Amino acid sequence: MRSQVIVSWGDGTAYPFDLEEVQPMPHDMARHWLDQQFTDMGCEPLRPTGKVLLADKVIAIAMAAGQSRFAEEAYRPWAKGFARAVSATLAKPVVRIDVPSMTVSY
């Protein structure tokens, strides 16, 4: 089964993470990983109600991390961890995160 996460920055720059050969992250571990990143990076809820949807959390973390965390080789382990957590949490074979437009599509 195909498993891929693509993080795009809207200027034609995209960072695909092919997860077919990578050990899947358990769902509960993935949610915990994203929760921890959301807190550690000081992310704020995107909605005025304060409710944080999973897709909103993914976008907020990608925004807080910045393009360099996806582009630079030194951050590759973090970026792959992000992709694994996103794939496991959202449970979709292909996830596209468009950071500038703040959208997640499947």
PDB file of N, CA and C in Angstrom:
ATOM      1  N   MET A   1       0.840  -1.186   0.000  1.00  0.00           N
ATOM      2  CA  MET A   1       0.000   0.000   0.000  1.00  0.00           C
ATOM      3  C   MET A   1       0.882   1.245   0.000  1.00  0.00           C
ATOM      4  N   ARG A   2       0.537   2.173  -0.834  1.00  0.00           N
ATOM      5  CA  ARG A   2       1.281   3.416  -0.944  1.00  0.00           C
ATOM      6  C   ARG A   2       1.102   4.251   0.317  1.00  0.00           C
ATOM      7  N   SER A   3       2.192   4.834   0.792  1.00  0.00           N
ATOM      8  CA  SER A   3       2.132   5.706   1.956  1.00  0.00           C
ATOM      9  C   SER A   3       3.113   6.845   1.736  1.00  0.00           C
ATOM     10  N   GLN A   4       2.564   8.051   1.620  1.00  0.00           N
ATOM     11  CA  GLN A   4       3.393   9.207   1.311  1.00  0.00           C
ATOM     12  C   GLN A   4       2.818  10.457   1.954  1.00  0.00           C
ATOM     13  N   VAL A   5       3.722  11.306   2.449  1.00  0.00           N
ATOM     14  CA  VAL A   5       3.348  12.620   2.973  1.00  0.00           C
ATOM     15  C   VAL A   5       4.140  13.642   2.174  1.00  0.00           C
ATOM     16  N   ILE A   6       3.441  14.650   1.671  1.00  0.00           N
ATOM     17  CA  ILE A   6       4.073  15.706   0.878  1.00  0.00           C
ATOM     18  C   ILE A   6       3.815  17.029   1.574  1.00  0.00           C
ATOM     19  N   VAL A   7       4.902  17.737   1.905  1.00  0.00           N
ATOM     20  CA  VAL A   7       4.782  19.045   2.544  1.00  0.00           C
ATOM     21  C   VAL A   7       5.204  20.073   1.507  1.00  0.00           C
ATOM     22  N   SER A   8       4.282  20.983   1.171  1.00  0.00           N
ATOM     23  CA  SER A   8       4.554  21.967   0.126  1.00  0.00           C
ATOM     24  C   SER A   8       4.507  23.376   0.699  1.00  0.00           C
ATOM     25  N   TRP A   9       5.323  24.229   0.089  1.00  0.00           N
ATOM     26  CA  TRP A   9       5.409  25.620   0.547  1.00  0.00           C
ATOM     27  C   TRP A   9       4.859  26.579  -0.502  1.00  0.00           C
ATOM     28  N   GLY A  10       4.094  26.074  -1.460  1.00  0.00           N
ATOM     29  CA  GLY A  10       3.339  26.914  -2.386  1.00  0.00           C
ATOM     30  C   GLY A  10       4.118  27.590  -3.482  1.00  0.00           C
ATOM     31  N   ASP A  11       5.430  27.598  -3.435  1.00  0.00           N
ATOM     32  CA  ASP A  11       6.224  28.258  -4.465  1.00  0.00           C
ATOM     33  C   ASP A  11       6.825  27.223  -5.420  1.00  0.00           C
ATOM     34  N   GLY A  12       6.172  26.095  -5.506  1.00  0.00           N
ATOM     35  CA  GLY A  12       6.690  25.009  -6.329  1.00  0.00           C
ATOM     36  C   GLY A  12       7.642  24.112  -5.562  1.00  0.00           C
ATOM     37  N   THR A  13       7.903  24.460  -4.312  1.00  0.00           N
ATOM     38  CA  THR A  13       8.786  23.661  -3.483  1.00  0.00           C
ATOM     39  C   THR A  13       7.965  22.682  -2.664  1.00  0.00           C
ATOM     40  N   ALA A  14       8.275  21.413  -2.819  1.00  0.00           N
ATOM     41  CA  ALA A  14       7.568  20.373  -2.067  1.00  0.00           C
ATOM     42  C   ALA A  14       8.575  19.348  -1.571  1.00  0.00           C
ATOM     43  N   TYR A  15       8.268  18.800  -0.416  1.00  0.00           N
ATOM     44  CA  TYR A  15       9.124  17.795   0.201  1.00  0.00           C
ATOM     45  C   TYR A  15       8.317  16.517   0.379  1.00  0.00           C
ATOM     46  N   PRO A  16       8.534  15.548  -0.519  1.00  0.00           N
ATOM     47  CA  PRO A  16       7.804  14.279  -0.401  1.00  0.00           C
ATOM     48  C   PRO A  16       8.548  13.308   0.524  1.00  0.00           C
ATOM     49  N   PHE A  17       7.782  12.585   1.308  1.00  0.00           N
ATOM     50  CA  PHE A  17       8.328  11.562   2.196  1.00  0.00           C
ATOM     51  C   PHE A  17       7.630  10.253   1.858  1.00  0.00           C
ATOM     52  N   ASP A  18       8.375   9.352   1.215  1.00  0.00           N
ATOM     53  CA  ASP A  18       7.851   8.048   0.843  1.00  0.00           C
ATOM     54  C   ASP A  18       8.023   7.129   2.046  1.00  0.00           C
ATOM     55  N   LEU A  19       6.927   6.616   2.565  1.00  0.00           N
ATOM     56  CA  LEU A  19       6.957   5.831   3.794  1.00  0.00           C
ATOM     57  C   LEU A  19       6.706   4.338   3.577  1.00  0.00           C
ATOM     58  N   GLU A  20       6.767   3.890   2.326  1.00  0.00           N
ATOM     59  CA  GLU A  20       6.502   2.475   2.036  1.00  0.00           C
ATOM     60  C   GLU A  20       7.487   1.544   2.727  1.00  0.00           C
ATOM     61  N   GLU A  21       8.733   1.923   2.782  1.00  0.00           N
ATOM     62  CA  GLU A  21       9.775   1.066   3.355  1.00  0.00           C
ATOM     63  C   GLU A  21      10.057   1.412   4.827  1.00  0.00           C
ATOM     64  N   VAL A  22       9.258   2.278   5.419  1.00  0.00           N
ATOM     65  CA  VAL A  22       9.487   2.737   6.788  1.00  0.00           C
ATOM     66  C   VAL A  22       8.502   2.052   7.728  1.00  0.00           C
ATOM     67  N   GLN A  23       8.996   1.659   8.886  1.00  0.00           N
ATOM     68  CA  GLN A  23       8.139   1.032   9.900  1.00  0.00           C
ATOM     69  C   GLN A  23       7.031   2.000  10.297  1.00  0.00           C
ATOM     70  N   PRO A  24       5.760   1.588  10.217  1.00  0.00           N
ATOM     71  CA  PRO A  24       4.670   2.488  10.602  1.00  0.00           C
ATOM     72  C   PRO A  24       4.722   2.828  12.091  1.00  0.00           C
ATOM     73  N   MET A  25       4.323   4.044  12.410  1.00  0.00           N
ATOM     74  CA  MET A  25       4.266   4.475  13.800  1.00  0.00           C
ATOM     75  C   MET A  25       2.892   4.098  14.356  1.00  0.00           C
ATOM     76  N   PRO A  26       2.831   3.501  15.546  1.00  0.00           N
ATOM     77  CA  PRO A  26       1.521   3.202  16.137  1.00  0.00           C
ATOM     78  C   PRO A  26       0.700   4.480  16.322  1.00  0.00           C
ATOM     79  N   HIS A  27      -0.616   4.349  16.139  1.00  0.00           N
ATOM     80  CA  HIS A  27      -1.509   5.509  16.172  1.00  0.00           C
ATOM     81  C   HIS A  27      -1.376   6.321  17.460  1.00  0.00           C
ATOM     82  N   ASP A  28      -1.394   5.669  18.618  1.00  0.00           N
ATOM     83  CA  ASP A  28      -1.315   6.411  19.882  1.00  0.00           C
ATOM     84  C   ASP A  28       0.030   7.105  20.046  1.00  0.00           C
ATOM     85  N   MET A  29       1.103   6.483  19.589  1.00  0.00           N
ATOM     86  CA  MET A  29       2.425   7.099  19.649  1.00  0.00           C
ATOM     87  C   MET A  29       2.485   8.311  18.712  1.00  0.00           C
ATOM     88  N   ALA A  30       1.858   8.184  17.543  1.00  0.00           N
ATOM     89  CA  ALA A  30       1.843   9.276  16.568  1.00  0.00           C
ATOM     90  C   ALA A  30       1.104  10.495  17.121  1.00  0.00           C
ATOM     91  N   ARG A  31      -0.038  10.255  17.737  1.00  0.00           N
ATOM     92  CA  ARG A  31      -0.797  11.375  18.320  1.00  0.00           C
ATOM     93  C   ARG A  31      -0.002  12.041  19.430  1.00  0.00           C
ATOM     94  N   HIS A  32       0.647  11.227  20.256  1.00  0.00           N
ATOM     95  CA  HIS A  32       1.464  11.782  21.341  1.00  0.00           C
ATOM     96  C   HIS A  32       2.619  12.610  20.773  1.00  0.00           C
ATOM     97  N   TRP A  33       3.271  12.107  19.715  1.00  0.00           N
ATOM     98  CA  TRP A  33       4.386  12.809  19.089  1.00  0.00           C
ATOM     99  C   TRP A  33       3.928  14.172  18.573  1.00  0.00           C
ATOM    100  N   LEU A  34       2.785  14.199  17.885  1.00  0.00           N
ATOM    101  CA  LEU A  34       2.266  15.471  17.366  1.00  0.00           C
ATOM    102  C   LEU A  34       1.868  16.411  18.500  1.00  0.00           C
ATOM    103  N   ASP A  35       1.228  15.879  19.539  1.00  0.00           N
ATOM    104  CA  ASP A  35       0.863  16.708  20.695  1.00  0.00           C
ATOM    105  C   ASP A  35       2.102  17.340  21.315  1.00  0.00           C
ATOM    106  N   GLN A  36       3.154  16.543  21.463  1.00  0.00           N
ATOM    107  CA  GLN A  36       4.401  17.032  22.071  1.00  0.00           C
ATOM    108  C   GLN A  36       5.038  18.120  21.203  1.00  0.00           C
ATOM    109  N   GLN A  37       5.066  17.907  19.903  1.00  0.00           N
ATOM    110  CA  GLN A  37       5.634  18.914  18.998  1.00  0.00           C
ATOM    111  C   GLN A  37       4.819  20.205  19.037  1.00  0.00           C
ATOM    112  N   PHE A  38       3.511  20.072  19.064  1.00  0.00           N
ATOM    113  CA  PHE A  38       2.617  21.235  19.120  1.00  0.00           C
ATOM    114  C   PHE A  38       2.937  22.072  20.364  1.00  0.00           C
ATOM    115  N   THR A  39       3.120  21.405  21.485  1.00  0.00           N
ATOM    116  CA  THR A  39       3.426  22.090  22.742  1.00  0.00           C
ATOM    117  C   THR A  39       4.848  22.656  22.732  1.00  0.00           C
ATOM    118  N   ASP A  40       5.820  21.831  22.357  1.00  0.00           N
ATOM    119  CA  ASP A  40       7.227  22.256  22.368  1.00  0.00           C
ATOM    120  C   ASP A  40       7.490  23.444  21.453  1.00  0.00           C
ATOM    121  N   MET A  41       6.774  23.515  20.343  1.00  0.00           N
ATOM    122  CA  MET A  41       6.992  24.604  19.384  1.00  0.00           C
ATOM    123  C   MET A  41       6.150  25.838  19.692  1.00  0.00           C
ATOM    124  N   GLY A  42       5.366  25.755  20.749  1.00  0.00           N
ATOM    125  CA  GLY A  42       4.554  26.905  21.141  1.00  0.00           C
ATOM    126  C   GLY A  42       3.452  27.227  20.158  1.00  0.00           C
ATOM    127  N   CYS A  43       2.916  26.202  19.507  1.00  0.00           N
ATOM    128  CA  CYS A  43       1.854  26.415  18.523  1.00  0.00           C
ATOM    129  C   CYS A  43       0.573  26.879  19.207  1.00  0.00           C
ATOM    130  N   GLU A  44      -0.190  27.664  18.496  1.00  0.00           N
ATOM    131  CA  GLU A  44      -1.463  28.181  18.970  1.00  0.00           C
ATOM    132  C   GLU A  44      -2.584  27.580  18.117  1.00  0.00           C
ATOM    133  N   PRO A  45      -3.767  27.390  18.691  1.00  0.00           N
ATOM    134  CA  PRO A  45      -4.904  26.916  17.889  1.00  0.00           C
ATOM    135  C   PRO A  45      -5.175  27.864  16.723  1.00  0.00           C
ATOM    136  N   LEU A  46      -5.499  27.314  15.576  1.00  0.00           N
ATOM    137  CA  LEU A  46      -5.763  28.119  14.383  1.00  0.00           C
ATOM    138  C   LEU A  46      -7.190  28.666  14.368  1.00  0.00           C
ATOM    139  N   ARG A  47      -8.073  28.061  15.122  1.00  0.00           N
ATOM    140  CA  ARG A  47      -9.485  28.456  15.133  1.00  0.00           C
ATOM    141  C   ARG A  47      -9.775  29.343  16.343  1.00  0.00           C
ATOM    142  N   PRO A  48     -10.637  30.329  16.164  1.00  0.00           N
ATOM    143  CA  PRO A  48     -10.960  31.227  17.280  1.00  0.00           C
ATOM    144  C   PRO A  48     -11.650  30.522  18.452  1.00  0.00           C
ATOM    145  N   THR A  49     -12.230  29.359  18.197  1.00  0.00           N
ATOM    146  CA  THR A  49     -12.901  28.628  19.273  1.00  0.00           C
ATOM    147  C   THR A  49     -11.898  27.950  20.208  1.00  0.00           C
ATOM    148  N   GLY A  50     -10.653  27.839  19.764  1.00  0.00           N
ATOM    149  CA  GLY A  50      -9.636  27.184  20.562  1.00  0.00           C
ATOM    150  C   GLY A  50      -9.564  25.687  20.323  1.00  0.00           C
ATOM    151  N   LYS A  51     -10.505  25.154  19.553  1.00  0.00           N
ATOM    152  CA  LYS A  51     -10.506  23.720  19.249  1.00  0.00           C
ATOM    153  C   LYS A  51      -9.389  23.427  18.255  1.00  0.00           C
ATOM    154  N   VAL A  52      -8.665  22.349  18.502  1.00  0.00           N
ATOM    155  CA  VAL A  52      -7.561  21.987  17.623  1.00  0.00           C
ATOM    156  C   VAL A  52      -7.879  20.660  16.938  1.00  0.00           C
ATOM    157  N   LEU A  53      -8.203  20.740  15.651  1.00  0.00           N
ATOM    158  CA  LEU A  53      -8.434  19.545  14.850  1.00  0.00           C
ATOM    159  C   LEU A  53      -7.077  18.940  14.469  1.00  0.00           C
ATOM    160  N   LEU A  54      -7.056  17.663  14.167  1.00  0.00           N
ATOM    161  CA  LEU A  54      -5.793  17.021  13.804  1.00  0.00           C
ATOM    162  C   LEU A  54      -5.129  17.702  12.610  1.00  0.00           C
ATOM    163  N   ALA A  55      -5.911  18.025  11.599  1.00  0.00           N
ATOM    164  CA  ALA A  55      -5.349  18.702  10.426  1.00  0.00           C
ATOM    165  C   ALA A  55      -4.777  20.066  10.808  1.00  0.00           C
ATOM    166  N   ASP A  56      -5.463  20.789  11.688  1.00  0.00           N
ATOM    167  CA  ASP A  56      -4.958  22.083  12.153  1.00  0.00           C
ATOM    168  C   ASP A  56      -3.636  21.919  12.900  1.00  0.00           C
ATOM    169  N   LYS A  57      -3.543  20.866  13.695  1.00  0.00           N
ATOM    170  CA  LYS A  57      -2.319  20.601  14.455  1.00  0.00           C
ATOM    171  C   LYS A  57      -1.151  20.334  13.504  1.00  0.00           C
ATOM    172  N   VAL A  58      -1.415  19.549  12.473  1.00  0.00           N
ATOM    173  CA  VAL A  58      -0.386  19.229  11.482  1.00  0.00           C
ATOM    174  C   VAL A  58       0.100  20.505  10.794  1.00  0.00           C
ATOM    175  N   ILE A  59      -0.820  21.351  10.387  1.00  0.00           N
ATOM    176  CA  ILE A  59      -0.456  22.612   9.726  1.00  0.00           C
ATOM    177  C   ILE A  59       0.319  23.515  10.679  1.00  0.00           C
ATOM    178  N   ALA A  60      -0.154  23.654  11.901  1.00  0.00           N
ATOM    179  CA  ALA A  60       0.511  24.522  12.879  1.00  0.00           C
ATOM    180  C   ALA A  60       1.941  24.062  13.145  1.00  0.00           C
ATOM    181  N   ILE A  61       2.150  22.775  13.248  1.00  0.00           N
ATOM    182  CA  ILE A  61       3.498  22.248  13.485  1.00  0.00           C
ATOM    183  C   ILE A  61       4.393  22.514  12.285  1.00  0.00           C
ATOM    184  N   ALA A  62       3.889  22.263  11.079  1.00  0.00           N
ATOM    185  CA  ALA A  62       4.680  22.522   9.868  1.00  0.00           C
ATOM    186  C   ALA A  62       5.037  24.005   9.760  1.00  0.00           C
ATOM    187  N   MET A  63       4.092  24.872  10.064  1.00  0.00           N
ATOM    188  CA  MET A  63       4.355  26.313  10.023  1.00  0.00           C
ATOM    189  C   MET A  63       5.417  26.703  11.047  1.00  0.00           C
ATOM    190  N   ALA A  64       5.283  26.196  12.264  1.00  0.00           N
ATOM    191  CA  ALA A  64       6.229  26.529  13.328  1.00  0.00           C
ATOM    192  C   ALA A  64       7.622  25.980  13.028  1.00  0.00           C
ATOM    193  N   ALA A  65       7.673  24.807  12.431  1.00  0.00           N
ATOM    194  CA  ALA A  65       8.960  24.200  12.107  1.00  0.00           C
ATOM    195  C   ALA A  65       9.682  24.985  11.021  1.00  0.00           C
ATOM    196  N   GLY A  66       8.920  25.490  10.075  1.00  0.00           N
ATOM    197  CA  GLY A  66       9.511  26.248   8.976  1.00  0.00           C
ATOM    198  C   GLY A  66      10.046  25.349   7.879  1.00  0.00           C
ATOM    199  N   GLN A  67      10.233  25.921   6.731  1.00  0.00           N
ATOM    200  CA  GLN A  67      10.670  25.162   5.561  1.00  0.00           C
ATOM    201  C   GLN A  67      12.032  24.521   5.790  1.00  0.00           C
ATOM    202  N   SER A  68      12.903  25.149   6.556  1.00  0.00           N
ATOM    203  CA  SER A  68      14.248  24.607   6.740  1.00  0.00           C
ATOM    204  C   SER A  68      14.244  23.231   7.394  1.00  0.00           C
ATOM    205  N   ARG A  69      13.270  22.953   8.262  1.00  0.00           N
ATOM    206  CA  ARG A  69      13.213  21.631   8.900  1.00  0.00           C
ATOM    207  C   ARG A  69      12.891  20.526   7.902  1.00  0.00           C
ATOM    208  N   PHE A  70      12.310  20.885   6.797  1.00  0.00           N
ATOM    209  CA  PHE A  70      11.993  19.900   5.769  1.00  0.00           C
ATOM    210  C   PHE A  70      13.070  19.870   4.686  1.00  0.00           C
ATOM    211  N   ALA A  71      13.781  20.977   4.511  1.00  0.00           N
ATOM    212  CA  ALA A  71      14.761  21.095   3.430  1.00  0.00           C
ATOM    213  C   ALA A  71      16.163  20.647   3.831  1.00  0.00           C
ATOM    214  N   GLU A  72      16.577  20.944   5.047  1.00  0.00           N
ATOM    215  CA  GLU A  72      17.962  20.701   5.448  1.00  0.00           C
ATOM    216  C   GLU A  72      18.176  19.261   5.909  1.00  0.00           C
ATOM    217  N   GLU A  73      19.270  18.697   5.444  1.00  0.00           N
ATOM    218  CA  GLU A  73      19.606  17.301   5.764  1.00  0.00           C
ATOM    219  C   GLU A  73      19.751  17.078   7.265  1.00  0.00           C
ATOM    220  N   ALA A  74      20.224  18.069   7.995  1.00  0.00           N
ATOM    221  CA  ALA A  74      20.418  17.936   9.445  1.00  0.00           C
ATOM    222  C   ALA A  74      19.098  17.664  10.174  1.00  0.00           C
ATOM    223  N   TYR A  75      17.991  18.136   9.613  1.00  0.00           N
ATOM    224  CA  TYR A  75      16.675  17.953  10.231  1.00  0.00           C
ATOM    225  C   TYR A  75      15.897  16.785   9.626  1.00  0.00           C
ATOM    226  N   ARG A  76      16.505  16.030   8.747  1.00  0.00           N
ATOM    227  CA  ARG A  76      15.806  14.942   8.052  1.00  0.00           C
ATOM    228  C   ARG A  76      15.167  13.935   9.009  1.00  0.00           C
ATOM    229  N   PRO A  77      15.848  13.536  10.089  1.00  0.00           N
ATOM    230  CA  PRO A  77      15.194  12.606  11.026  1.00  0.00           C
ATOM    231  C   PRO A  77      13.909  13.193  11.628  1.00  0.00           C
ATOM    232  N   TRP A  78      13.929  14.483  11.964  1.00  0.00           N
ATOM    233  CA  TRP A  78      12.725  15.120  12.507  1.00  0.00           C
ATOM    234  C   TRP A  78      11.619  15.131  11.444  1.00  0.00           C
ATOM    235  N   ALA A  79      11.980  15.504  10.220  1.00  0.00           N
ATOM    236  CA  ALA A  79      10.989  15.589   9.140  1.00  0.00           C
ATOM    237  C   ALA A  79      10.374  14.217   8.845  1.00  0.00           C
ATOM    238  N   LYS A  80      11.191  13.169   8.874  1.00  0.00           N
ATOM    239  CA  LYS A  80      10.651  11.822   8.661  1.00  0.00           C
ATOM    240  C   LYS A  80       9.746  11.406   9.815  1.00  0.00           C
ATOM    241  N   GLY A  81      10.120  11.797  11.037  1.00  0.00           N
ATOM    242  CA  GLY A  81       9.258  11.522  12.187  1.00  0.00           C
ATOM    243  C   GLY A  81       7.926  12.232  12.054  1.00  0.00           C
ATOM    244  N   PHE A  82       7.964  13.469  11.591  1.00  0.00           N
ATOM    245  CA  PHE A  82       6.745  14.240  11.352  1.00  0.00           C
ATOM    246  C   PHE A  82       5.875  13.512  10.325  1.00  0.00           C
ATOM    247  N   ALA A  83       6.480  13.096   9.222  1.00  0.00           N
ATOM    248  CA  ALA A  83       5.732  12.408   8.159  1.00  0.00           C
ATOM    249  C   ALA A  83       5.125  11.105   8.677  1.00  0.00           C
ATOM    250  N   ARG A  84       5.882  10.341   9.435  1.00  0.00           N
ATOM    251  CA  ARG A  84       5.365   9.084   9.997  1.00  0.00           C
ATOM    252  C   ARG A  84       4.189   9.347  10.929  1.00  0.00           C
ATOM    253  N   ALA A  85       4.319  10.373  11.784  1.00  0.00           N
ATOM    254  CA  ALA A  85       3.244  10.692  12.733  1.00  0.00           C
ATOM    255  C   ALA A  85       1.998  11.166  11.995  1.00  0.00           C
ATOM    256  N   VAL A  86       2.176  11.991  10.978  1.00  0.00           N
ATOM    257  CA  VAL A  86       1.041  12.483  10.194  1.00  0.00           C
ATOM    258  C   VAL A  86       0.331  11.323   9.505  1.00  0.00           C
ATOM    259  N   SER A  87       1.092  10.458   8.866  1.00  0.00           N
ATOM    260  CA  SER A  87       0.510   9.326   8.156  1.00  0.00           C
ATOM    261  C   SER A  87      -0.277   8.424   9.105  1.00  0.00           C
ATOM    262  N   ALA A  88       0.293   8.123  10.262  1.00  0.00           N
ATOM    263  CA  ALA A  88      -0.372   7.245  11.224  1.00  0.00           C
ATOM    264  C   ALA A  88      -1.600   7.898  11.854  1.00  0.00           C
ATOM    265  N   THR A  89      -1.493   9.176  12.162  1.00  0.00           N
ATOM    266  CA  THR A  89      -2.596   9.873  12.819  1.00  0.00           C
ATOM    267  C   THR A  89      -3.776  10.084  11.884  1.00  0.00           C
ATOM    268  N   LEU A  90      -3.503  10.502  10.660  1.00  0.00           N
ATOM    269  CA  LEU A  90      -4.587  10.777   9.723  1.00  0.00           C
ATOM    270  C   LEU A  90      -5.052   9.523   8.987  1.00  0.00           C
ATOM    271  N   ALA A  91      -4.262   8.455   9.040  1.00  0.00           N
ATOM    272  CA  ALA A  91      -4.628   7.156   8.465  1.00  0.00           C
ATOM    273  C   ALA A  91      -5.074   7.242   6.999  1.00  0.00           C
ATOM    274  N   LYS A  92      -4.316   7.970   6.213  1.00  0.00           N
ATOM    275  CA  LYS A  92      -4.573   8.088   4.773  1.00  0.00           C
ATOM    276  C   LYS A  92      -3.307   7.676   4.031  1.00  0.00           C
ATOM    277  N   PRO A  93      -3.438   7.041   2.874  1.00  0.00           N
ATOM    278  CA  PRO A  93      -2.247   6.594   2.150  1.00  0.00           C
ATOM    279  C   PRO A  93      -1.397   7.746   1.603  1.00  0.00           C
ATOM    280  N   VAL A  94      -2.035   8.825   1.200  1.00  0.00           N
ATOM    281  CA  VAL A  94      -1.305   9.989   0.696  1.00  0.00           C
ATOM    282  C   VAL A  94      -1.872  11.235   1.384  1.00  0.00           C
ATOM    283  N   VAL A  95      -0.981  12.009   1.999  1.00  0.00           N
ATOM    284  CA  VAL A  95      -1.387  13.241   2.666  1.00  0.00           C
ATOM    285  C   VAL A  95      -0.574  14.377   2.067  1.00  0.00           C
ATOM    286  N   ARG A  96      -1.272  15.425   1.638  1.00  0.00           N
ATOM    287  CA  ARG A  96      -0.616  16.621   1.093  1.00  0.00           C
ATOM    288  C   ARG A  96      -0.876  17.787   2.038  1.00  0.00           C
ATOM    289  N   ILE A  97       0.201  18.390   2.500  1.00  0.00           N
ATOM    290  CA  ILE A  97       0.105  19.539   3.411  1.00  0.00           C
ATOM    291  C   ILE A  97       0.609  20.751   2.650  1.00  0.00           C
ATOM    292  N   ASP A  98      -0.269  21.703   2.394  1.00  0.00           N
ATOM    293  CA  ASP A  98       0.103  22.953   1.731  1.00  0.00           C
ATOM    294  C   ASP A  98       0.166  24.011   2.815  1.00  0.00           C
ATOM    295  N   VAL A  99       1.361  24.355   3.235  1.00  0.00           N
ATOM    296  CA  VAL A  99       1.542  25.236   4.382  1.00  0.00           C
ATOM    297  C   VAL A  99       1.016  26.650   4.121  1.00  0.00           C
ATOM    298  N   PRO A 100       1.380  27.319   3.009  1.00  0.00           N
ATOM    299  CA  PRO A 100       0.889  28.684   2.816  1.00  0.00           C
ATOM    300  C   PRO A 100      -0.637  28.796   2.745  1.00  0.00           C
ATOM    301  N   SER A 101      -1.294  27.817   2.139  1.00  0.00           N
ATOM    302  CA  SER A 101      -2.755  27.895   2.033  1.00  0.00           C
ATOM    303  C   SER A 101      -3.429  27.257   3.238  1.00  0.00           C
ATOM    304  N   MET A 102      -2.617  26.675   4.138  1.00  0.00           N
ATOM    305  CA  MET A 102      -3.122  26.072   5.364  1.00  0.00           C
ATOM    306  C   MET A 102      -4.162  24.995   5.073  1.00  0.00           C
ATOM    307  N   THR A 103      -3.828  24.087   4.142  1.00  0.00           N
ATOM    308  CA  THR A 103      -4.738  23.000   3.799  1.00  0.00           C
ATOM    309  C   THR A 103      -4.047  21.643   3.907  1.00  0.00           C
ATOM    310  N   VAL A 104      -4.832  20.655   4.250  1.00  0.00           N
ATOM    311  CA  VAL A 104      -4.395  19.266   4.249  1.00  0.00           C
ATOM    312  C   VAL A 104      -5.370  18.515   3.356  1.00  0.00           C
ATOM    313  N   SER A 105      -4.848  17.802   2.387  1.00  0.00           N
ATOM    314  CA  SER A 105      -5.723  17.033   1.496  1.00  0.00           C
ATOM    315  C   SER A 105      -5.220  15.595   1.431  1.00  0.00           C
ATOM    316  N   TYR A 106      -6.143  14.708   1.014  1.00  0.00           N
ATOM    317  CA  TYR A 106      -5.852  13.282   0.990  1.00  0.00           C
ATOM    318  C   TYR A 106      -6.002  12.739  -0.407  1.00  0.00           C
TER     319      TYR A 106
END
